[in-house]
């Protein structure tokens, strides 16, 4: 089965940044994340989660977790801003 992130990692095989997290923002309505290590904050306007090396904040409106697993998250809503700190 084709894995989008695996294929990108093959292209950037010597880059050290590709092993921390992966994010796909689909038209500001769906945010898919691989590599989270835990949820820090969860509200309709702010979702924050940890990754290896820091925290990622997602700001928006009417957001919710559509899926949550040990390492992946799918956020739906009106996603306005995503920032790694």
C-alpha atoms as a PDB file:
ATOM      1  CA  UNK A   1       0.000   0.000   0.000  1.00  0.00           C
ATOM      2  CA  UNK A   2       1.233   3.482  -0.883  1.00  0.00           C
ATOM      3  CA  UNK A   3       2.189   5.602   2.125  1.00  0.00           C
ATOM      4  CA  UNK A   4       2.525   9.288   1.304  1.00  0.00           C
ATOM      5  CA  UNK A   5       4.795  10.138   4.253  1.00  0.00           C
ATOM      6  CA  UNK A   6       7.039   7.112   3.699  1.00  0.00           C
ATOM      7  CA  UNK A   7       7.591   8.155   0.095  1.00  0.00           C
ATOM      8  CA  UNK A   8       8.463  11.723   1.112  1.00  0.00           C
ATOM      9  CA  UNK A   9      10.900  10.409   3.728  1.00  0.00           C
ATOM     10  CA  UNK A  10      12.659   8.348   1.050  1.00  0.00           C
ATOM     11  CA  UNK A  11      13.148  11.497  -1.018  1.00  0.00           C
ATOM     12  CA  UNK A  12      14.540  13.398   2.004  1.00  0.00           C
ATOM     13  CA  UNK A  13      16.416  10.393   3.421  1.00  0.00           C
ATOM     14  CA  UNK A  14      19.383  12.404   4.719  1.00  0.00           C
ATOM     15  CA  UNK A  15      17.289  15.099   6.379  1.00  0.00           C
ATOM     16  CA  UNK A  16      16.995  14.849  10.173  1.00  0.00           C
ATOM     17  CA  UNK A  17      13.811  16.910  10.423  1.00  0.00           C
ATOM     18  CA  UNK A  18      11.511  14.308   8.851  1.00  0.00           C
ATOM     19  CA  UNK A  19      11.307  12.032  11.901  1.00  0.00           C
ATOM     20  CA  UNK A  20       9.584  14.425  14.332  1.00  0.00           C
ATOM     21  CA  UNK A  21       6.055  14.898  12.969  1.00  0.00           C
ATOM     22  CA  UNK A  22       4.044  15.067   9.767  1.00  0.00           C
ATOM     23  CA  UNK A  23       1.105  17.389   9.123  1.00  0.00           C
ATOM     24  CA  UNK A  24      -1.294  17.677   6.202  1.00  0.00           C
ATOM     25  CA  UNK A  25      -3.726  20.604   6.169  1.00  0.00           C
ATOM     26  CA  UNK A  26      -6.578  20.000   3.739  1.00  0.00           C
ATOM     27  CA  UNK A  27      -8.141  23.332   2.752  1.00  0.00           C
ATOM     28  CA  UNK A  28      -8.225  24.545   6.339  1.00  0.00           C
ATOM     29  CA  UNK A  29     -11.007  22.070   7.144  1.00  0.00           C
ATOM     30  CA  UNK A  30      -9.122  18.860   8.075  1.00  0.00           C
ATOM     31  CA  UNK A  31      -5.716  18.583   9.724  1.00  0.00           C
ATOM     32  CA  UNK A  32      -4.046  15.162   9.789  1.00  0.00           C
ATOM     33  CA  UNK A  33      -1.049  14.691  12.080  1.00  0.00           C
ATOM     34  CA  UNK A  34       1.380  11.798  12.530  1.00  0.00           C
ATOM     35  CA  UNK A  35       3.867  11.796  15.382  1.00  0.00           C
ATOM     36  CA  UNK A  36       2.039  13.341  18.318  1.00  0.00           C
ATOM     37  CA  UNK A  37       2.972  12.154  21.805  1.00  0.00           C
ATOM     38  CA  UNK A  38      -0.009  13.495  23.755  1.00  0.00           C
ATOM     39  CA  UNK A  39      -2.753  16.125  23.909  1.00  0.00           C
ATOM     40  CA  UNK A  40      -2.059  19.213  26.065  1.00  0.00           C
ATOM     41  CA  UNK A  41      -5.179  21.336  25.467  1.00  0.00           C
ATOM     42  CA  UNK A  42      -8.480  20.622  23.794  1.00  0.00           C
ATOM     43  CA  UNK A  43     -11.186  23.190  23.065  1.00  0.00           C
ATOM     44  CA  UNK A  44     -13.198  24.258  20.024  1.00  0.00           C
ATOM     45  CA  UNK A  45     -10.804  27.147  19.383  1.00  0.00           C
ATOM     46  CA  UNK A  46      -7.424  25.702  20.480  1.00  0.00           C
ATOM     47  CA  UNK A  47      -5.927  22.234  20.308  1.00  0.00           C
ATOM     48  CA  UNK A  48      -2.347  21.725  21.493  1.00  0.00           C
ATOM     49  CA  UNK A  49      -0.343  18.517  21.428  1.00  0.00           C
ATOM     50  CA  UNK A  50       3.208  17.376  22.089  1.00  0.00           C
ATOM     51  CA  UNK A  51       5.669  15.947  19.585  1.00  0.00           C
ATOM     52  CA  UNK A  52       9.346  14.966  19.849  1.00  0.00           C
ATOM     53  CA  UNK A  53      10.931  18.301  20.620  1.00  0.00           C
ATOM     54  CA  UNK A  54       8.047  20.622  21.381  1.00  0.00           C
ATOM     55  CA  UNK A  55       4.379  21.511  21.169  1.00  0.00           C
ATOM     56  CA  UNK A  56       2.137  22.219  18.192  1.00  0.00           C
ATOM     57  CA  UNK A  57      -0.828  24.543  18.593  1.00  0.00           C
ATOM     58  CA  UNK A  58      -3.805  24.589  16.256  1.00  0.00           C
ATOM     59  CA  UNK A  59      -6.112  27.600  16.380  1.00  0.00           C
ATOM     60  CA  UNK A  60      -9.486  27.877  14.721  1.00  0.00           C
ATOM     61  CA  UNK A  61     -13.236  27.663  15.210  1.00  0.00           C
ATOM     62  CA  UNK A  62     -15.616  24.776  15.843  1.00  0.00           C
ATOM     63  CA  UNK A  63     -12.709  22.313  15.913  1.00  0.00           C
ATOM     64  CA  UNK A  64     -12.961  18.777  17.211  1.00  0.00           C
ATOM     65  CA  UNK A  65     -10.977  15.558  17.193  1.00  0.00           C
ATOM     66  CA  UNK A  66     -12.419  13.292  14.518  1.00  0.00           C
ATOM     67  CA  UNK A  67      -9.821  10.582  15.168  1.00  0.00           C
ATOM     68  CA  UNK A  68      -7.215   9.987  17.842  1.00  0.00           C
ATOM     69  CA  UNK A  69      -4.768   7.115  18.101  1.00  0.00           C
ATOM     70  CA  UNK A  70      -1.494   6.600  19.910  1.00  0.00           C
ATOM     71  CA  UNK A  71       0.448   8.586  17.275  1.00  0.00           C
ATOM     72  CA  UNK A  72      -2.104  10.138  14.876  1.00  0.00           C
ATOM     73  CA  UNK A  73      -4.721  12.873  15.135  1.00  0.00           C
ATOM     74  CA  UNK A  74      -7.387  14.095  12.717  1.00  0.00           C
ATOM     75  CA  UNK A  75      -8.811  17.516  13.558  1.00  0.00           C
ATOM     76  CA  UNK A  76     -11.863  18.874  11.742  1.00  0.00           C
ATOM     77  CA  UNK A  77     -13.279  22.408  11.811  1.00  0.00           C
ATOM     78  CA  UNK A  78     -12.184  25.815  10.597  1.00  0.00           C
ATOM     79  CA  UNK A  79      -8.414  25.675  10.993  1.00  0.00           C
ATOM     80  CA  UNK A  80      -6.888  29.148  11.002  1.00  0.00           C
ATOM     81  CA  UNK A  81      -3.335  28.663  12.291  1.00  0.00           C
ATOM     82  CA  UNK A  82      -0.871  25.855  13.014  1.00  0.00           C
ATOM     83  CA  UNK A  83       2.356  26.615  14.875  1.00  0.00           C
ATOM     84  CA  UNK A  84       5.200  24.479  16.213  1.00  0.00           C
ATOM     85  CA  UNK A  85       6.856  25.899  19.345  1.00  0.00           C
END
